[in-house]
Amino acid sequence: MRDLSGETISRGMAVRLIGGTQTKIAGHLFRSLPNGELARPILEPKRAFVLDRFNRLAEKHRTKREK
């Protein structure tokens, strides 16, 4: 099977990609979308985004409390 990067991949790897995992092909990370298309992975994990937002809210709360 050939993927978007032009590399030949195994059937097992194709099934994993369709299942929604991320995998490295020819040095590039790919993830699959719910409709089966391949896409580049999300650069920043959602966990980090949520934690950053939580920290900003906590900082605002501390600032309001000190006033």
PDB file of N, CA and C in Angstrom:
ATOM      1  N   MET A   1       0.849  -1.177   0.000  1.00  0.00           N
ATOM      2  CA  MET A   1       0.000   0.000   0.000  1.00  0.00           C
ATOM      3  C   MET A   1       0.890   1.234   0.000  1.00  0.00           C
ATOM      4  N   ARG A   2       0.493   2.230  -0.744  1.00  0.00           N
ATOM      5  CA  ARG A   2       1.237   3.484  -0.766  1.00  0.00           C
ATOM      6  C   ARG A   2       0.439   4.527   0.001  1.00  0.00           C
ATOM      7  N   ASP A   3       1.155   5.320   0.783  1.00  0.00           N
ATOM      8  CA  ASP A   3       0.482   6.362   1.558  1.00  0.00           C
ATOM      9  C   ASP A   3       0.766   7.731   0.955  1.00  0.00           C
ATOM     10  N   LEU A   4       0.359   8.779   1.640  1.00  0.00           N
ATOM     11  CA  LEU A   4       0.527  10.141   1.124  1.00  0.00           C
ATOM     12  C   LEU A   4       1.978  10.563   0.982  1.00  0.00           C
ATOM     13  N   SER A   5       2.867   9.971   1.771  1.00  0.00           N
ATOM     14  CA  SER A   5       4.273  10.358   1.701  1.00  0.00           C
ATOM     15  C   SER A   5       4.986   9.686   0.536  1.00  0.00           C
ATOM     16  N   GLY A   6       4.293   8.777  -0.159  1.00  0.00           N
ATOM     17  CA  GLY A   6       4.906   8.072  -1.277  1.00  0.00           C
ATOM     18  C   GLY A   6       5.618   6.803  -0.856  1.00  0.00           C
ATOM     19  N   GLU A   7       5.605   6.503   0.440  1.00  0.00           N
ATOM     20  CA  GLU A   7       6.242   5.296   0.954  1.00  0.00           C
ATOM     21  C   GLU A   7       5.272   4.127   0.878  1.00  0.00           C
ATOM     22  N   THR A   8       5.814   2.936   0.738  1.00  0.00           N
ATOM     23  CA  THR A   8       4.998   1.736   0.780  1.00  0.00           C
ATOM     24  C   THR A   8       4.885   1.297   2.230  1.00  0.00           C
ATOM     25  N   ILE A   9       3.654   1.069   2.691  1.00  0.00           N
ATOM     26  CA  ILE A   9       3.442   0.647   4.074  1.00  0.00           C
ATOM     27  C   ILE A   9       2.737  -0.702   4.089  1.00  0.00           C
ATOM     28  N   SER A  10       2.875  -1.402   5.204  1.00  0.00           N
ATOM     29  CA  SER A  10       2.248  -2.714   5.328  1.00  0.00           C
ATOM     30  C   SER A  10       0.751  -2.570   5.575  1.00  0.00           C
ATOM     31  N   ARG A  11       0.049  -3.648   5.368  1.00  0.00           N
ATOM     32  CA  ARG A  11      -1.392  -3.645   5.622  1.00  0.00           C
ATOM     33  C   ARG A  11      -1.662  -3.402   7.111  1.00  0.00           C
ATOM     34  N   GLY A  12      -0.833  -3.976   7.986  1.00  0.00           N
ATOM     35  CA  GLY A  12      -0.990  -3.778   9.428  1.00  0.00           C
ATOM     36  C   GLY A  12      -0.864  -2.314   9.817  1.00  0.00           C
ATOM     37  N   MET A  13       0.113  -1.630   9.234  1.00  0.00           N
ATOM     38  CA  MET A  13       0.289  -0.210   9.534  1.00  0.00           C
ATOM     39  C   MET A  13      -0.898   0.591   9.005  1.00  0.00           C
ATOM     40  N   ALA A  14      -1.411   0.232   7.851  1.00  0.00           N
ATOM     41  CA  ALA A  14      -2.580   0.919   7.296  1.00  0.00           C
ATOM     42  C   ALA A  14      -3.787   0.742   8.210  1.00  0.00           C
ATOM     43  N   VAL A  15      -3.970  -0.457   8.745  1.00  0.00           N
ATOM     44  CA  VAL A  15      -5.088  -0.715   9.659  1.00  0.00           C
ATOM     45  C   VAL A  15      -4.932   0.100  10.933  1.00  0.00           C
ATOM     46  N   ARG A  16      -3.709   0.182  11.460  1.00  0.00           N
ATOM     47  CA  ARG A  16      -3.466   0.994  12.665  1.00  0.00           C
ATOM     48  C   ARG A  16      -3.797   2.454  12.405  1.00  0.00           C
ATOM     49  N   LEU A  17      -3.396   2.970  11.262  1.00  0.00           N
ATOM     50  CA  LEU A  17      -3.683   4.367  10.933  1.00  0.00           C
ATOM     51  C   LEU A  17      -5.184   4.613  10.821  1.00  0.00           C
ATOM     52  N   ILE A  18      -5.890   3.691  10.200  1.00  0.00           N
ATOM     53  CA  ILE A  18      -7.338   3.838  10.080  1.00  0.00           C
ATOM     54  C   ILE A  18      -7.983   3.807  11.459  1.00  0.00           C
ATOM     55  N   GLY A  19      -7.373   3.073  12.393  1.00  0.00           N
ATOM     56  CA  GLY A  19      -7.899   2.974  13.750  1.00  0.00           C
ATOM     57  C   GLY A  19      -7.700   4.215  14.587  1.00  0.00           C
ATOM     58  N   GLY A  20      -6.973   5.204  14.091  1.00  0.00           N
ATOM     59  CA  GLY A  20      -6.842   6.465  14.813  1.00  0.00           C
ATOM     60  C   GLY A  20      -5.537   6.657  15.553  1.00  0.00           C
ATOM     61  N   THR A  21      -4.560   5.813  15.320  1.00  0.00           N
ATOM     62  CA  THR A  21      -3.283   5.977  16.011  1.00  0.00           C
ATOM     63  C   THR A  21      -2.366   6.918  15.237  1.00  0.00           C
ATOM     64  N   GLN A  22      -1.302   7.326  15.886  1.00  0.00           N
ATOM     65  CA  GLN A  22      -0.258   8.098  15.216  1.00  0.00           C
ATOM     66  C   GLN A  22       0.886   7.147  14.916  1.00  0.00           C
ATOM     67  N   THR A  23       1.522   7.330  13.786  1.00  0.00           N
ATOM     68  CA  THR A  23       2.661   6.491  13.435  1.00  0.00           C
ATOM     69  C   THR A  23       3.652   7.295  12.617  1.00  0.00           C
ATOM     70  N   LYS A  24       4.881   6.840  12.616  1.00  0.00           N
ATOM     71  CA  LYS A  24       5.945   7.517  11.883  1.00  0.00           C
ATOM     72  C   LYS A  24       6.199   6.763  10.577  1.00  0.00           C
ATOM     73  N   ILE A  25       6.133   7.480   9.471  1.00  0.00           N
ATOM     74  CA  ILE A  25       6.390   6.906   8.152  1.00  0.00           C
ATOM     75  C   ILE A  25       7.415   7.789   7.470  1.00  0.00           C
ATOM     76  N   ALA A  26       8.532   7.215   7.100  1.00  0.00           N
ATOM     77  CA  ALA A  26       9.601   7.942   6.404  1.00  0.00           C
ATOM     78  C   ALA A  26      10.012   9.197   7.176  1.00  0.00           C
ATOM     79  N   GLY A  27      10.055   9.089   8.499  1.00  0.00           N
ATOM     80  CA  GLY A  27      10.501  10.203   9.325  1.00  0.00           C
ATOM     81  C   GLY A  27       9.447  11.263   9.607  1.00  0.00           C
ATOM     82  N   HIS A  28       8.213  11.055   9.153  1.00  0.00           N
ATOM     83  CA  HIS A  28       7.125  12.015   9.372  1.00  0.00           C
ATOM     84  C   HIS A  28       6.018  11.352  10.175  1.00  0.00           C
ATOM     85  N   LEU A  29       5.489  12.069  11.165  1.00  0.00           N
ATOM     86  CA  LEU A  29       4.364  11.550  11.936  1.00  0.00           C
ATOM     87  C   LEU A  29       3.057  11.804  11.199  1.00  0.00           C
ATOM     88  N   PHE A  30       2.180  10.817  11.218  1.00  0.00           N
ATOM     89  CA  PHE A  30       0.853  10.925  10.637  1.00  0.00           C
ATOM     90  C   PHE A  30      -0.161  10.427  11.648  1.00  0.00           C
ATOM     91  N   ARG A  31      -1.384  10.955  11.581  1.00  0.00           N
ATOM     92  CA  ARG A  31      -2.505  10.449  12.365  1.00  0.00           C
ATOM     93  C   ARG A  31      -3.684  10.329  11.423  1.00  0.00           C
ATOM     94  N   SER A  32      -4.650   9.520  11.801  1.00  0.00           N
ATOM     95  CA  SER A  32      -5.808   9.373  10.923  1.00  0.00           C
ATOM     96  C   SER A  32      -6.996  10.133  11.481  1.00  0.00           C
ATOM     97  N   LEU A  33      -7.806  10.617  10.583  1.00  0.00           N
ATOM     98  CA  LEU A  33      -9.032  11.324  10.937  1.00  0.00           C
ATOM     99  C   LEU A  33     -10.177  10.314  10.982  1.00  0.00           C
ATOM    100  N   PRO A  34     -11.295  10.655  11.601  1.00  0.00           N
ATOM    101  CA  PRO A  34     -12.418   9.713  11.687  1.00  0.00           C
ATOM    102  C   PRO A  34     -12.919   9.207  10.336  1.00  0.00           C
ATOM    103  N   ASN A  35     -12.729   9.985   9.271  1.00  0.00           N
ATOM    104  CA  ASN A  35     -13.191   9.543   7.952  1.00  0.00           C
ATOM    105  C   ASN A  35     -12.138   8.726   7.203  1.00  0.00           C
ATOM    106  N   GLY A  36     -10.993   8.434   7.840  1.00  0.00           N
ATOM    107  CA  GLY A  36      -9.975   7.588   7.235  1.00  0.00           C
ATOM    108  C   GLY A  36      -8.853   8.328   6.542  1.00  0.00           C
ATOM    109  N   GLU A  37      -8.951   9.645   6.416  1.00  0.00           N
ATOM    110  CA  GLU A  37      -7.890  10.414   5.770  1.00  0.00           C
ATOM    111  C   GLU A  37      -6.692  10.552   6.702  1.00  0.00           C
ATOM    112  N   LEU A  38      -5.516  10.694   6.111  1.00  0.00           N
ATOM    113  CA  LEU A  38      -4.306  10.910   6.900  1.00  0.00           C
ATOM    114  C   LEU A  38      -4.051  12.397   7.061  1.00  0.00           C
ATOM    115  N   ALA A  39      -3.545  12.768   8.218  1.00  0.00           N
ATOM    116  CA  ALA A  39      -3.236  14.168   8.486  1.00  0.00           C
ATOM    117  C   ALA A  39      -1.966  14.233   9.316  1.00  0.00           C
ATOM    118  N   ARG A  40      -1.381  15.398   9.350  1.00  0.00           N
ATOM    119  CA  ARG A  40      -0.227  15.611  10.223  1.00  0.00           C
ATOM    120  C   ARG A  40      -0.741  15.633  11.657  1.00  0.00           C
ATOM    121  N   PRO A  41       0.061  15.208  12.613  1.00  0.00           N
ATOM    122  CA  PRO A  41      -0.411  15.181  13.999  1.00  0.00           C
ATOM    123  C   PRO A  41      -0.579  16.574  14.585  1.00  0.00           C
ATOM    124  N   ILE A  42      -1.385  16.646  15.625  1.00  0.00           N
ATOM    125  CA  ILE A  42      -1.550  17.893  16.359  1.00  0.00           C
ATOM    126  C   ILE A  42      -0.229  18.166  17.059  1.00  0.00           C
ATOM    127  N   LEU A  43       0.302  19.362  16.881  1.00  0.00           N
ATOM    128  CA  LEU A  43       1.628  19.664  17.416  1.00  0.00           C
ATOM    129  C   LEU A  43       1.643  19.761  18.933  1.00  0.00           C
ATOM    130  N   GLU A  44       0.605  20.334  19.521  1.00  0.00           N
ATOM    131  CA  GLU A  44       0.577  20.493  20.971  1.00  0.00           C
ATOM    132  C   GLU A  44      -0.507  19.590  21.545  1.00  0.00           C
ATOM    133  N   PRO A  45      -0.147  18.702  22.441  1.00  0.00           N
ATOM    134  CA  PRO A  45      -1.172  17.841  23.032  1.00  0.00           C
ATOM    135  C   PRO A  45      -2.220  18.664  23.779  1.00  0.00           C
ATOM    136  N   LYS A  46      -3.443  18.188  23.780  1.00  0.00           N
ATOM    137  CA  LYS A  46      -4.526  18.905  24.451  1.00  0.00           C
ATOM    138  C   LYS A  46      -4.260  19.038  25.942  1.00  0.00           C
ATOM    139  N   ARG A  47      -3.595  18.040  26.529  1.00  0.00           N
ATOM    140  CA  ARG A  47      -3.310  18.108  27.962  1.00  0.00           C
ATOM    141  C   ARG A  47      -2.516  19.356  28.301  1.00  0.00           C
ATOM    142  N   ALA A  48      -1.536  19.681  27.504  1.00  0.00           N
ATOM    143  CA  ALA A  48      -0.709  20.864  27.768  1.00  0.00           C
ATOM    144  C   ALA A  48      -1.554  22.131  27.639  1.00  0.00           C
ATOM    145  N   PHE A  49      -2.448  22.175  26.667  1.00  0.00           N
ATOM    146  CA  PHE A  49      -3.311  23.338  26.474  1.00  0.00           C
ATOM    147  C   PHE A  49      -4.219  23.531  27.684  1.00  0.00           C
ATOM    148  N   VAL A  50      -4.815  22.453  28.171  1.00  0.00           N
ATOM    149  CA  VAL A  50      -5.706  22.533  29.328  1.00  0.00           C
ATOM    150  C   VAL A  50      -4.927  22.975  30.557  1.00  0.00           C
ATOM    151  N   LEU A  51      -3.740  22.427  30.752  1.00  0.00           N
ATOM    152  CA  LEU A  51      -2.921  22.800  31.903  1.00  0.00           C
ATOM    153  C   LEU A  51      -2.511  24.268  31.831  1.00  0.00           C
ATOM    154  N   ASP A  52      -2.144  24.764  30.661  1.00  0.00           N
ATOM    155  CA  ASP A  52      -1.797  26.184  30.507  1.00  0.00           C
ATOM    156  C   ASP A  52      -2.986  27.075  30.852  1.00  0.00           C
ATOM    157  N   ARG A  53      -4.153  26.693  30.381  1.00  0.00           N
ATOM    158  CA  ARG A  53      -5.360  27.480  30.672  1.00  0.00           C
ATOM    159  C   ARG A  53      -5.643  27.477  32.172  1.00  0.00           C
ATOM    160  N   PHE A  54      -5.512  26.323  32.801  1.00  0.00           N
ATOM    161  CA  PHE A  54      -5.725  26.224  34.245  1.00  0.00           C
ATOM    162  C   PHE A  54      -4.751  27.131  34.996  1.00  0.00           C
ATOM    163  N   ASN A  55      -3.495  27.119  34.591  1.00  0.00           N
ATOM    164  CA  ASN A  55      -2.489  27.957  35.252  1.00  0.00           C
ATOM    165  C   ASN A  55      -2.787  29.446  35.077  1.00  0.00           C
ATOM    166  N   ARG A  56      -3.254  29.851  33.893  1.00  0.00           N
ATOM    167  CA  ARG A  56      -3.619  31.256  33.685  1.00  0.00           C
ATOM    168  C   ARG A  56      -4.784  31.660  34.578  1.00  0.00           C
ATOM    169  N   LEU A  57      -5.787  30.791  34.688  1.00  0.00           N
ATOM    170  CA  LEU A  57      -6.929  31.085  35.551  1.00  0.00           C
ATOM    171  C   LEU A  57      -6.507  31.160  37.016  1.00  0.00           C
ATOM    172  N   ALA A  58      -5.624  30.261  37.439  1.00  0.00           N
ATOM    173  CA  ALA A  58      -5.138  30.283  38.822  1.00  0.00           C
ATOM    174  C   ALA A  58      -4.365  31.568  39.092  1.00  0.00           C
ATOM    175  N   GLU A  59      -3.579  32.010  38.129  1.00  0.00           N
ATOM    176  CA  GLU A  59      -2.811  33.250  38.287  1.00  0.00           C
ATOM    177  C   GLU A  59      -3.749  34.453  38.404  1.00  0.00           C
ATOM    178  N   LYS A  60      -4.799  34.484  37.591  1.00  0.00           N
ATOM    179  CA  LYS A  60      -5.780  35.569  37.687  1.00  0.00           C
ATOM    180  C   LYS A  60      -6.442  35.572  39.058  1.00  0.00           C
ATOM    181  N   HIS A  61      -6.772  34.395  39.557  1.00  0.00           N
ATOM    182  CA  HIS A  61      -7.421  34.286  40.862  1.00  0.00           C
ATOM    183  C   HIS A  61      -6.494  34.799  41.962  1.00  0.00           C
ATOM    184  N   ARG A  62      -5.220  34.436  41.883  1.00  0.00           N
ATOM    185  CA  ARG A  62      -4.248  34.902  42.880  1.00  0.00           C
ATOM    186  C   ARG A  62      -4.131  36.421  42.840  1.00  0.00           C
ATOM    187  N   THR A  63      -4.111  36.989  41.642  1.00  0.00           N
ATOM    188  CA  THR A  63      -3.979  38.439  41.486  1.00  0.00           C
ATOM    189  C   THR A  63      -5.197  39.157  42.076  1.00  0.00           C
ATOM    190  N   LYS A  64      -6.388  38.655  41.814  1.00  0.00           N
ATOM    191  CA  LYS A  64      -7.605  39.267  42.354  1.00  0.00           C
ATOM    192  C   LYS A  64      -7.630  39.177  43.875  1.00  0.00           C
ATOM    193  N   ARG A  65      -7.169  38.081  44.408  1.00  0.00           N
ATOM    194  CA  ARG A  65      -7.185  37.863  45.848  1.00  0.00           C
ATOM    195  C   ARG A  65      -6.239  38.807  46.578  1.00  0.00           C
ATOM    196  N   GLU A  66      -5.121  39.132  45.948  1.00  0.00           N
ATOM    197  CA  GLU A  66      -4.119  40.000  46.573  1.00  0.00           C
ATOM    198  C   GLU A  66      -4.581  41.444  46.625  1.00  0.00           C
ATOM    199  N   LYS A  67      -5.499  41.844  45.763  1.00  0.00           N
ATOM    200  CA  LYS A  67      -5.951  43.248  45.706  1.00  0.00           C
ATOM    201  C   LYS A  67      -6.836  43.598  46.841  1.00  0.00           C
TER     202      LYS A  67
END
